[in-house]
Amino acid sequence: MCLGIPGQIVAITDEGRLLAMAEVSGVRREVNVACVAEGALEALVGQWALIHVGFAMSLIDEDEAAKTLEALRDLGEAQETLEQMAAGAAALEERA
């Protein structure tokens, strides 16, 4: 399964190699924008993209990015809750 994380393109770092800086949940990392480059790369600055293994795979709008980030946060919170429940159950079993 592939999971793209929404990130905002904040700068072009190497036009010749089609590299840009993307901010993903407050963390900046360099990504390849070859899959989304159409025309001048500077036009990508401020755009949202789904980022997967260092590549901007597709452009998305800001609303879709926000909804996806919220869903990912909810999944993380759900996983954390499940892990806490499992730890609690294991502790109860140890006491029994």
PDB file of N, CA and C in Angstrom:
ATOM      1  N   MET A   1       0.841  -1.171   0.000  1.00  0.00           N
ATOM      2  CA  MET A   1       0.000   0.000   0.000  1.00  0.00           C
ATOM      3  C   MET A   1       0.888   1.236   0.000  1.00  0.00           C
ATOM      4  N   CYS A   2       0.536   2.210  -0.812  1.00  0.00           N
ATOM      5  CA  CYS A   2       1.266   3.468  -0.872  1.00  0.00           C
ATOM      6  C   CYS A   2       0.472   4.532  -0.140  1.00  0.00           C
ATOM      7  N   LEU A   3       1.169   5.366   0.564  1.00  0.00           N
ATOM      8  CA  LEU A   3       0.513   6.438   1.290  1.00  0.00           C
ATOM      9  C   LEU A   3       1.206   7.742   0.952  1.00  0.00           C
ATOM     10  N   GLY A   4       0.479   8.659   0.366  1.00  0.00           N
ATOM     11  CA  GLY A   4       1.007   9.984   0.085  1.00  0.00           C
ATOM     12  C   GLY A   4       0.641  10.919   1.216  1.00  0.00           C
ATOM     13  N   ILE A   5       1.598  11.685   1.671  1.00  0.00           N
ATOM     14  CA  ILE A   5       1.385  12.642   2.749  1.00  0.00           C
ATOM     15  C   ILE A   5       1.323  14.039   2.137  1.00  0.00           C
ATOM     16  N   PRO A   6       0.313  14.838   2.465  1.00  0.00           N
ATOM     17  CA  PRO A   6       0.245  16.185   1.909  1.00  0.00           C
ATOM     18  C   PRO A   6       1.410  17.049   2.388  1.00  0.00           C
ATOM     19  N   GLY A   7       2.015  17.748   1.446  1.00  0.00           N
ATOM     20  CA  GLY A   7       3.082  18.686   1.763  1.00  0.00           C
ATOM     21  C   GLY A   7       2.955  19.900   0.867  1.00  0.00           C
ATOM     22  N   GLN A   8       3.375  21.046   1.378  1.00  0.00           N
ATOM     23  CA  GLN A   8       3.303  22.275   0.595  1.00  0.00           C
ATOM     24  C   GLN A   8       4.686  22.600   0.044  1.00  0.00           C
ATOM     25  N   ILE A   9       4.759  22.851  -1.253  1.00  0.00           N
ATOM     26  CA  ILE A   9       6.012  23.233  -1.887  1.00  0.00           C
ATOM     27  C   ILE A   9       6.329  24.657  -1.437  1.00  0.00           C
ATOM     28  N   VAL A  10       7.496  24.852  -0.803  1.00  0.00           N
ATOM     29  CA  VAL A  10       7.834  26.171  -0.265  1.00  0.00           C
ATOM     30  C   VAL A  10       8.965  26.850  -1.033  1.00  0.00           C
ATOM     31  N   ALA A  11       9.744  26.082  -1.812  1.00  0.00           N
ATOM     32  CA  ALA A  11      10.839  26.683  -2.575  1.00  0.00           C
ATOM     33  C   ALA A  11      11.334  25.696  -3.617  1.00  0.00           C
ATOM     34  N   ILE A  12      11.905  26.224  -4.670  1.00  0.00           N
ATOM     35  CA  ILE A  12      12.599  25.402  -5.662  1.00  0.00           C
ATOM     36  C   ILE A  12      14.067  25.400  -5.254  1.00  0.00           C
ATOM     37  N   THR A  13      14.654  24.226  -5.071  1.00  0.00           N
ATOM     38  CA  THR A  13      16.032  24.155  -4.585  1.00  0.00           C
ATOM     39  C   THR A  13      17.042  23.861  -5.690  1.00  0.00           C
ATOM     40  N   ASP A  14      16.632  23.130  -6.725  1.00  0.00           N
ATOM     41  CA  ASP A  14      17.532  22.817  -7.841  1.00  0.00           C
ATOM     42  C   ASP A  14      16.674  22.607  -9.085  1.00  0.00           C
ATOM     43  N   GLU A  15      16.533  23.682  -9.865  1.00  0.00           N
ATOM     44  CA  GLU A  15      15.655  23.632 -11.036  1.00  0.00           C
ATOM     45  C   GLU A  15      16.114  22.582 -12.043  1.00  0.00           C
ATOM     46  N   GLY A  16      17.415  22.468 -12.242  1.00  0.00           N
ATOM     47  CA  GLY A  16      17.945  21.512 -13.211  1.00  0.00           C
ATOM     48  C   GLY A  16      17.649  20.067 -12.863  1.00  0.00           C
ATOM     49  N   ARG A  17      17.630  19.760 -11.581  1.00  0.00           N
ATOM     50  CA  ARG A  17      17.353  18.388 -11.131  1.00  0.00           C
ATOM     51  C   ARG A  17      15.903  18.210 -10.697  1.00  0.00           C
ATOM     52  N   LEU A  18      15.077  19.244 -10.907  1.00  0.00           N
ATOM     53  CA  LEU A  18      13.648  19.219 -10.565  1.00  0.00           C
ATOM     54  C   LEU A  18      13.421  18.934  -9.079  1.00  0.00           C
ATOM     55  N   LEU A  19      14.172  19.625  -8.229  1.00  0.00           N
ATOM     56  CA  LEU A  19      14.048  19.445  -6.787  1.00  0.00           C
ATOM     57  C   LEU A  19      13.451  20.687  -6.139  1.00  0.00           C
ATOM     58  N   ALA A  20      12.623  20.432  -5.148  1.00  0.00           N
ATOM     59  CA  ALA A  20      11.975  21.517  -4.409  1.00  0.00           C
ATOM     60  C   ALA A  20      11.969  21.175  -2.923  1.00  0.00           C
ATOM     61  N   MET A  21      11.772  22.188  -2.094  1.00  0.00           N
ATOM     62  CA  MET A  21      11.627  21.993  -0.660  1.00  0.00           C
ATOM     63  C   MET A  21      10.128  21.947  -0.364  1.00  0.00           C
ATOM     64  N   ALA A  22       9.712  20.890   0.315  1.00  0.00           N
ATOM     65  CA  ALA A  22       8.309  20.743   0.709  1.00  0.00           C
ATOM     66  C   ALA A  22       8.231  20.697   2.223  1.00  0.00           C
ATOM     67  N   GLU A  23       7.196  21.303   2.756  1.00  0.00           N
ATOM     68  CA  GLU A  23       6.957  21.259   4.194  1.00  0.00           C
ATOM     69  C   GLU A  23       5.825  20.278   4.452  1.00  0.00           C
ATOM     70  N   VAL A  24       6.137  19.265   5.248  1.00  0.00           N
ATOM     71  CA  VAL A  24       5.175  18.216   5.577  1.00  0.00           C
ATOM     72  C   VAL A  24       5.001  18.218   7.091  1.00  0.00           C
ATOM     73  N   SER A  25       3.852  18.689   7.538  1.00  0.00           N
ATOM     74  CA  SER A  25       3.547  18.755   8.978  1.00  0.00           C
ATOM     75  C   SER A  25       4.649  19.437   9.774  1.00  0.00           C
ATOM     76  N   GLY A  26       5.141  20.552   9.250  1.00  0.00           N
ATOM     77  CA  GLY A  26       6.167  21.325   9.956  1.00  0.00           C
ATOM     78  C   GLY A  26       7.596  20.896   9.702  1.00  0.00           C
ATOM     79  N   VAL A  27       7.778  19.805   8.988  1.00  0.00           N
ATOM     80  CA  VAL A  27       9.120  19.303   8.678  1.00  0.00           C
ATOM     81  C   VAL A  27       9.409  19.562   7.205  1.00  0.00           C
ATOM     82  N   ARG A  28      10.563  20.148   6.931  1.00  0.00           N
ATOM     83  CA  ARG A  28      10.935  20.430   5.543  1.00  0.00           C
ATOM     84  C   ARG A  28      11.872  19.353   5.027  1.00  0.00           C
ATOM     85  N   ARG A  29      11.587  18.951   3.776  1.00  0.00           N
ATOM     86  CA  ARG A  29      12.458  17.963   3.138  1.00  0.00           C
ATOM     87  C   ARG A  29      12.453  18.215   1.640  1.00  0.00           C
ATOM     88  N   GLU A  30      13.551  17.845   1.021  1.00  0.00           N
ATOM     89  CA  GLU A  30      13.673  18.038  -0.413  1.00  0.00           C
ATOM     90  C   GLU A  30      12.945  16.909  -1.141  1.00  0.00           C
ATOM     91  N   VAL A  31      12.184  17.277  -2.169  1.00  0.00           N
ATOM     92  CA  VAL A  31      11.439  16.295  -2.940  1.00  0.00           C
ATOM     93  C   VAL A  31      11.652  16.546  -4.427  1.00  0.00           C
ATOM     94  N   ASN A  32      11.477  15.503  -5.196  1.00  0.00           N
ATOM     95  CA  ASN A  32      11.553  15.599  -6.649  1.00  0.00           C
ATOM     96  C   ASN A  32      10.163  15.950  -7.163  1.00  0.00           C
ATOM     97  N   VAL A  33      10.097  16.964  -8.033  1.00  0.00           N
ATOM     98  CA  VAL A  33       8.799  17.429  -8.532  1.00  0.00           C
ATOM     99  C   VAL A  33       8.573  17.073 -10.005  1.00  0.00           C
ATOM    100  N   ALA A  34       9.336  16.128 -10.532  1.00  0.00           N
ATOM    101  CA  ALA A  34       9.220  15.762 -11.950  1.00  0.00           C
ATOM    102  C   ALA A  34       7.807  15.315 -12.315  1.00  0.00           C
ATOM    103  N   CYS A  35       7.116  14.640 -11.421  1.00  0.00           N
ATOM    104  CA  CYS A  35       5.766  14.128 -11.722  1.00  0.00           C
ATOM    105  C   CYS A  35       4.710  15.227 -11.800  1.00  0.00           C
ATOM    106  N   VAL A  36       4.984  16.390 -11.213  1.00  0.00           N
ATOM    107  CA  VAL A  36       3.986  17.456 -11.182  1.00  0.00           C
ATOM    108  C   VAL A  36       4.441  18.712 -11.926  1.00  0.00           C
ATOM    109  N   ALA A  37       5.636  18.677 -12.489  1.00  0.00           N
ATOM    110  CA  ALA A  37       6.190  19.857 -13.163  1.00  0.00           C
ATOM    111  C   ALA A  37       5.535  20.052 -14.528  1.00  0.00           C
ATOM    112  N   GLU A  38       4.881  21.168 -14.673  1.00  0.00           N
ATOM    113  CA  GLU A  38       4.289  21.566 -15.960  1.00  0.00           C
ATOM    114  C   GLU A  38       4.583  23.046 -16.117  1.00  0.00           C
ATOM    115  N   GLY A  39       5.515  23.392 -16.956  1.00  0.00           N
ATOM    116  CA  GLY A  39       5.879  24.795 -17.128  1.00  0.00           C
ATOM    117  C   GLY A  39       6.917  25.220 -16.113  1.00  0.00           C
ATOM    118  N   ALA A  40       6.866  26.492 -15.720  1.00  0.00           N
ATOM    119  CA  ALA A  40       7.847  27.056 -14.794  1.00  0.00           C
ATOM    120  C   ALA A  40       7.714  26.421 -13.407  1.00  0.00           C
ATOM    121  N   LEU A  41       8.834  25.968 -12.862  1.00  0.00           N
ATOM    122  CA  LEU A  41       8.805  25.332 -11.542  1.00  0.00           C
ATOM    123  C   LEU A  41       8.373  26.305 -10.450  1.00  0.00           C
ATOM    124  N   GLU A  42       8.694  27.587 -10.612  1.00  0.00           N
ATOM    125  CA  GLU A  42       8.306  28.584  -9.607  1.00  0.00           C
ATOM    126  C   GLU A  42       6.797  28.600  -9.379  1.00  0.00           C
ATOM    127  N   ALA A  43       6.030  28.180 -10.381  1.00  0.00           N
ATOM    128  CA  ALA A  43       4.576  28.135 -10.244  1.00  0.00           C
ATOM    129  C   ALA A  43       4.136  27.099  -9.206  1.00  0.00           C
ATOM    130  N   LEU A  44       5.022  26.171  -8.858  1.00  0.00           N
ATOM    131  CA  LEU A  44       4.688  25.150  -7.857  1.00  0.00           C
ATOM    132  C   LEU A  44       4.769  25.678  -6.426  1.00  0.00           C
ATOM    133  N   VAL A  45       5.531  26.748  -6.221  1.00  0.00           N
ATOM    134  CA  VAL A  45       5.699  27.286  -4.861  1.00  0.00           C
ATOM    135  C   VAL A  45       4.328  27.712  -4.331  1.00  0.00           C
ATOM    136  N   GLY A  46       3.988  27.207  -3.151  1.00  0.00           N
ATOM    137  CA  GLY A  46       2.689  27.463  -2.530  1.00  0.00           C
ATOM    138  C   GLY A  46       1.666  26.383  -2.813  1.00  0.00           C
ATOM    139  N   GLN A  47       1.940  25.520  -3.793  1.00  0.00           N
ATOM    140  CA  GLN A  47       1.013  24.434  -4.137  1.00  0.00           C
ATOM    141  C   GLN A  47       1.142  23.289  -3.122  1.00  0.00           C
ATOM    142  N   TRP A  48       0.067  22.539  -2.979  1.00  0.00           N
ATOM    143  CA  TRP A  48       0.054  21.337  -2.145  1.00  0.00           C
ATOM    144  C   TRP A  48       0.198  20.117  -3.039  1.00  0.00           C
ATOM    145  N   ALA A  49       0.947  19.134  -2.557  1.00  0.00           N
ATOM    146  CA  ALA A  49       1.151  17.903  -3.320  1.00  0.00           C
ATOM    147  C   ALA A  49       1.121  16.714  -2.373  1.00  0.00           C
ATOM    148  N   LEU A  50       0.778  15.553  -2.919  1.00  0.00           N
ATOM    149  CA  LEU A  50       0.917  14.318  -2.157  1.00  0.00           C
ATOM    150  C   LEU A  50       2.356  13.857  -2.335  1.00  0.00           C
ATOM    151  N   ILE A  51       3.058  13.688  -1.218  1.00  0.00           N
ATOM    152  CA  ILE A  51       4.470  13.318  -1.213  1.00  0.00           C
ATOM    153  C   ILE A  51       4.590  11.848  -0.832  1.00  0.00           C
ATOM    154  N   HIS A  52       5.353  11.112  -1.625  1.00  0.00           N
ATOM    155  CA  HIS A  52       5.595   9.692  -1.352  1.00  0.00           C
ATOM    156  C   HIS A  52       7.039   9.366  -1.694  1.00  0.00           C
ATOM    157  N   VAL A  53       7.758   8.840  -0.744  1.00  0.00           N
ATOM    158  CA  VAL A  53       9.171   8.448  -0.861  1.00  0.00           C
ATOM    159  C   VAL A  53      10.015   9.481  -1.620  1.00  0.00           C
ATOM    160  N   GLY A  54       9.856  10.748  -1.244  1.00  0.00           N
ATOM    161  CA  GLY A  54      10.694  11.793  -1.812  1.00  0.00           C
ATOM    162  C   GLY A  54      10.236  12.354  -3.138  1.00  0.00           C
ATOM    163  N   PHE A  55       9.038  11.982  -3.589  1.00  0.00           N
ATOM    164  CA  PHE A  55       8.506  12.483  -4.853  1.00  0.00           C
ATOM    165  C   PHE A  55       7.160  13.150  -4.615  1.00  0.00           C
ATOM    166  N   ALA A  56       6.951  14.302  -5.247  1.00  0.00           N
ATOM    167  CA  ALA A  56       5.632  14.918  -5.282  1.00  0.00           C
ATOM    168  C   ALA A  56       4.875  14.184  -6.378  1.00  0.00           C
ATOM    169  N   MET A  57       3.898  13.380  -6.004  1.00  0.00           N
ATOM    170  CA  MET A  57       3.214  12.489  -6.947  1.00  0.00           C
ATOM    171  C   MET A  57       2.058  13.155  -7.682  1.00  0.00           C
ATOM    172  N   SER A  58       1.327  14.029  -6.992  1.00  0.00           N
ATOM    173  CA  SER A  58       0.211  14.727  -7.632  1.00  0.00           C
ATOM    174  C   SER A  58      -0.094  15.982  -6.838  1.00  0.00           C
ATOM    175  N   LEU A  59      -0.637  16.975  -7.534  1.00  0.00           N
ATOM    176  CA  LEU A  59      -1.044  18.212  -6.878  1.00  0.00           C
ATOM    177  C   LEU A  59      -2.460  18.043  -6.335  1.00  0.00           C
ATOM    178  N   ILE A  60      -2.698  18.631  -5.165  1.00  0.00           N
ATOM    179  CA  ILE A  60      -4.017  18.605  -4.542  1.00  0.00           C
ATOM    180  C   ILE A  60      -4.339  20.018  -4.082  1.00  0.00           C
ATOM    181  N   ASP A  61      -5.624  20.276  -3.808  1.00  0.00           N
ATOM    182  CA  ASP A  61      -5.960  21.606  -3.314  1.00  0.00           C
ATOM    183  C   ASP A  61      -5.794  21.660  -1.798  1.00  0.00           C
ATOM    184  N   GLU A  62      -5.798  22.866  -1.271  1.00  0.00           N
ATOM    185  CA  GLU A  62      -5.540  23.072   0.159  1.00  0.00           C
ATOM    186  C   GLU A  62      -6.581  22.385   1.035  1.00  0.00           C
ATOM    187  N   ASP A  63      -7.846  22.374   0.596  1.00  0.00           N
ATOM    188  CA  ASP A  63      -8.909  21.738   1.363  1.00  0.00           C
ATOM    189  C   ASP A  63      -8.680  20.229   1.475  1.00  0.00           C
ATOM    190  N   GLU A  64      -8.326  19.608   0.357  1.00  0.00           N
ATOM    191  CA  GLU A  64      -8.045  18.170   0.373  1.00  0.00           C
ATOM    192  C   GLU A  64      -6.830  17.868   1.250  1.00  0.00           C
ATOM    193  N   ALA A  65      -5.820  18.737   1.189  1.00  0.00           N
ATOM    194  CA  ALA A  65      -4.631  18.555   2.029  1.00  0.00           C
ATOM    195  C   ALA A  65      -5.008  18.599   3.504  1.00  0.00           C
ATOM    196  N   ALA A  66      -5.821  19.578   3.889  1.00  0.00           N
ATOM    197  CA  ALA A  66      -6.234  19.723   5.288  1.00  0.00           C
ATOM    198  C   ALA A  66      -7.032  18.507   5.756  1.00  0.00           C
ATOM    199  N   LYS A  67      -7.953  18.028   4.926  1.00  0.00           N
ATOM    200  CA  LYS A  67      -8.755  16.862   5.287  1.00  0.00           C
ATOM    201  C   LYS A  67      -7.889  15.613   5.429  1.00  0.00           C
ATOM    202  N   THR A  68      -6.935  15.457   4.533  1.00  0.00           N
ATOM    203  CA  THR A  68      -6.047  14.285   4.592  1.00  0.00           C
ATOM    204  C   THR A  68      -5.165  14.338   5.839  1.00  0.00           C
ATOM    205  N   LEU A  69      -4.613  15.523   6.143  1.00  0.00           N
ATOM    206  CA  LEU A  69      -3.780  15.661   7.345  1.00  0.00           C
ATOM    207  C   LEU A  69      -4.590  15.381   8.605  1.00  0.00           C
ATOM    208  N   GLU A  70      -5.847  15.841   8.639  1.00  0.00           N
ATOM    209  CA  GLU A  70      -6.712  15.578   9.788  1.00  0.00           C
ATOM    210  C   GLU A  70      -6.975  14.076   9.930  1.00  0.00           C
ATOM    211  N   ALA A  71      -7.247  13.409   8.823  1.00  0.00           N
ATOM    212  CA  ALA A  71      -7.488  11.962   8.861  1.00  0.00           C
ATOM    213  C   ALA A  71      -6.243  11.218   9.347  1.00  0.00           C
ATOM    214  N   LEU A  72      -5.081  11.655   8.908  1.00  0.00           N
ATOM    215  CA  LEU A  72      -3.839  11.008   9.350  1.00  0.00           C
ATOM    216  C   LEU A  72      -3.602  11.227  10.840  1.00  0.00           C
ATOM    217  N   ARG A  73      -3.912  12.433  11.330  1.00  0.00           N
ATOM    218  CA  ARG A  73      -3.786  12.696  12.775  1.00  0.00           C
ATOM    219  C   ARG A  73      -4.742  11.796  13.547  1.00  0.00           C
ATOM    220  N   ASP A  74      -5.986  11.671  13.055  1.00  0.00           N
ATOM    221  CA  ASP A  74      -6.974  10.812  13.720  1.00  0.00           C
ATOM    222  C   ASP A  74      -6.503   9.363  13.752  1.00  0.00           C
ATOM    223  N   LEU A  75      -5.921   8.888  12.644  1.00  0.00           N
ATOM    224  CA  LEU A  75      -5.403   7.522  12.612  1.00  0.00           C
ATOM    225  C   LEU A  75      -4.289   7.331  13.628  1.00  0.00           C
ATOM    226  N   GLY A  76      -3.423   8.334  13.745  1.00  0.00           N
ATOM    227  CA  GLY A  76      -2.333   8.268  14.719  1.00  0.00           C
ATOM    228  C   GLY A  76      -2.865   8.217  16.138  1.00  0.00           C
ATOM    229  N   GLU A  77      -3.884   9.040  16.423  1.00  0.00           N
ATOM    230  CA  GLU A  77      -4.490   9.036  17.753  1.00  0.00           C
ATOM    231  C   GLU A  77      -5.180   7.707  18.025  1.00  0.00           C
ATOM    232  N   ALA A  78      -5.855   7.143  17.024  1.00  0.00           N
ATOM    233  CA  ALA A  78      -6.517   5.852  17.201  1.00  0.00           C
ATOM    234  C   ALA A  78      -5.488   4.768  17.482  1.00  0.00           C
ATOM    235  N   GLN A  79      -4.378   4.789  16.750  1.00  0.00           N
ATOM    236  CA  GLN A  79      -3.324   3.790  16.975  1.00  0.00           C
ATOM    237  C   GLN A  79      -2.754   3.925  18.382  1.00  0.00           C
ATOM    238  N   GLU A  80      -2.551   5.153  18.818  1.00  0.00           N
ATOM    239  CA  GLU A  80      -2.031   5.388  20.162  1.00  0.00           C
ATOM    240  C   GLU A  80      -2.999   4.854  21.216  1.00  0.00           C
ATOM    241  N   THR A  81      -4.299   5.075  21.022  1.00  0.00           N
ATOM    242  CA  THR A  81      -5.312   4.583  21.952  1.00  0.00           C
ATOM    243  C   THR A  81      -5.316   3.059  21.987  1.00  0.00           C
ATOM    244  N   LEU A  82      -5.235   2.418  20.823  1.00  0.00           N
ATOM    245  CA  LEU A  82      -5.195   0.952  20.767  1.00  0.00           C
ATOM    246  C   LEU A  82      -3.980   0.406  21.488  1.00  0.00           C
ATOM    247  N   GLU A  83      -2.834   1.063  21.317  1.00  0.00           N
ATOM    248  CA  GLU A  83      -1.619   0.612  21.994  1.00  0.00           C
ATOM    249  C   GLU A  83      -1.749   0.759  23.502  1.00  0.00           C
ATOM    250  N   GLN A  84      -2.370   1.842  23.966  1.00  0.00           N
ATOM    251  CA  GLN A  84      -2.585   2.041  25.399  1.00  0.00           C
ATOM    252  C   GLN A  84      -3.533   0.980  25.954  1.00  0.00           C
ATOM    253  N   MET A  85      -4.586   0.676  25.192  1.00  0.00           N
ATOM    254  CA  MET A  85      -5.537  -0.347  25.625  1.00  0.00           C
ATOM    255  C   MET A  85      -4.850  -1.711  25.707  1.00  0.00           C
ATOM    256  N   ALA A  86      -4.019  -2.021  24.724  1.00  0.00           N
ATOM    257  CA  ALA A  86      -3.313  -3.306  24.725  1.00  0.00           C
ATOM    258  C   ALA A  86      -2.355  -3.388  25.902  1.00  0.00           C
ATOM    259  N   ALA A  87      -1.676  -2.294  26.201  1.00  0.00           N
ATOM    260  CA  ALA A  87      -0.752  -2.278  27.336  1.00  0.00           C
ATOM    261  C   ALA A  87      -1.512  -2.454  28.645  1.00  0.00           C
ATOM    262  N   GLY A  88      -2.676  -1.811  28.740  1.00  0.00           N
ATOM    263  CA  GLY A  88      -3.499  -1.945  29.941  1.00  0.00           C
ATOM    264  C   GLY A  88      -3.997  -3.375  30.126  1.00  0.00           C
ATOM    265  N   ALA A  89      -4.428  -4.010  29.050  1.00  0.00           N
ATOM    266  CA  ALA A  89      -4.898  -5.391  29.090  1.00  0.00           C
ATOM    267  C   ALA A  89      -3.765  -6.327  29.495  1.00  0.00           C
ATOM    268  N   ALA A  90      -2.581  -6.092  28.965  1.00  0.00           N
ATOM    269  CA  ALA A  90      -1.426  -6.930  29.307  1.00  0.00           C
ATOM    270  C   ALA A  90      -1.074  -6.785  30.786  1.00  0.00           C
ATOM    271  N   ALA A  91      -1.171  -5.554  31.307  1.00  0.00           N
ATOM    272  CA  ALA A  91      -0.877  -5.334  32.723  1.00  0.00           C
ATOM    273  C   ALA A  91      -1.889  -6.053  33.592  1.00  0.00           C
ATOM    274  N   LEU A  92      -3.165  -6.057  33.183  1.00  0.00           N
ATOM    275  CA  LEU A  92      -4.205  -6.770  33.948  1.00  0.00           C
ATOM    276  C   LEU A  92      -3.960  -8.268  33.948  1.00  0.00           C
ATOM    277  N   GLU A  93      -3.547  -8.801  32.818  1.00  0.00           N
ATOM    278  CA  GLU A  93      -3.262 -10.227  32.719  1.00  0.00           C
ATOM    279  C   GLU A  93      -2.089 -10.633  33.598  1.00  0.00           C
ATOM    280  N   GLU A  94      -1.109  -9.752  33.703  1.00  0.00           N
ATOM    281  CA  GLU A  94       0.061 -10.037  34.560  1.00  0.00           C
ATOM    282  C   GLU A  94      -0.330 -10.092  36.013  1.00  0.00           C
ATOM    283  N   ARG A  95      -1.281  -9.263  36.412  1.00  0.00           N
ATOM    284  CA  ARG A  95      -1.713  -9.220  37.808  1.00  0.00           C
ATOM    285  C   ARG A  95      -2.605 -10.409  38.157  1.00  0.00           C
ATOM    286  N   ALA A  96      -3.253 -11.005  37.164  1.00  0.00           N
ATOM    287  CA  ALA A  96      -4.207 -12.094  37.421  1.00  0.00           C
ATOM    288  C   ALA A  96      -3.524 -13.399  37.694  1.00  0.00           C
TER     289      ALA A  96
END
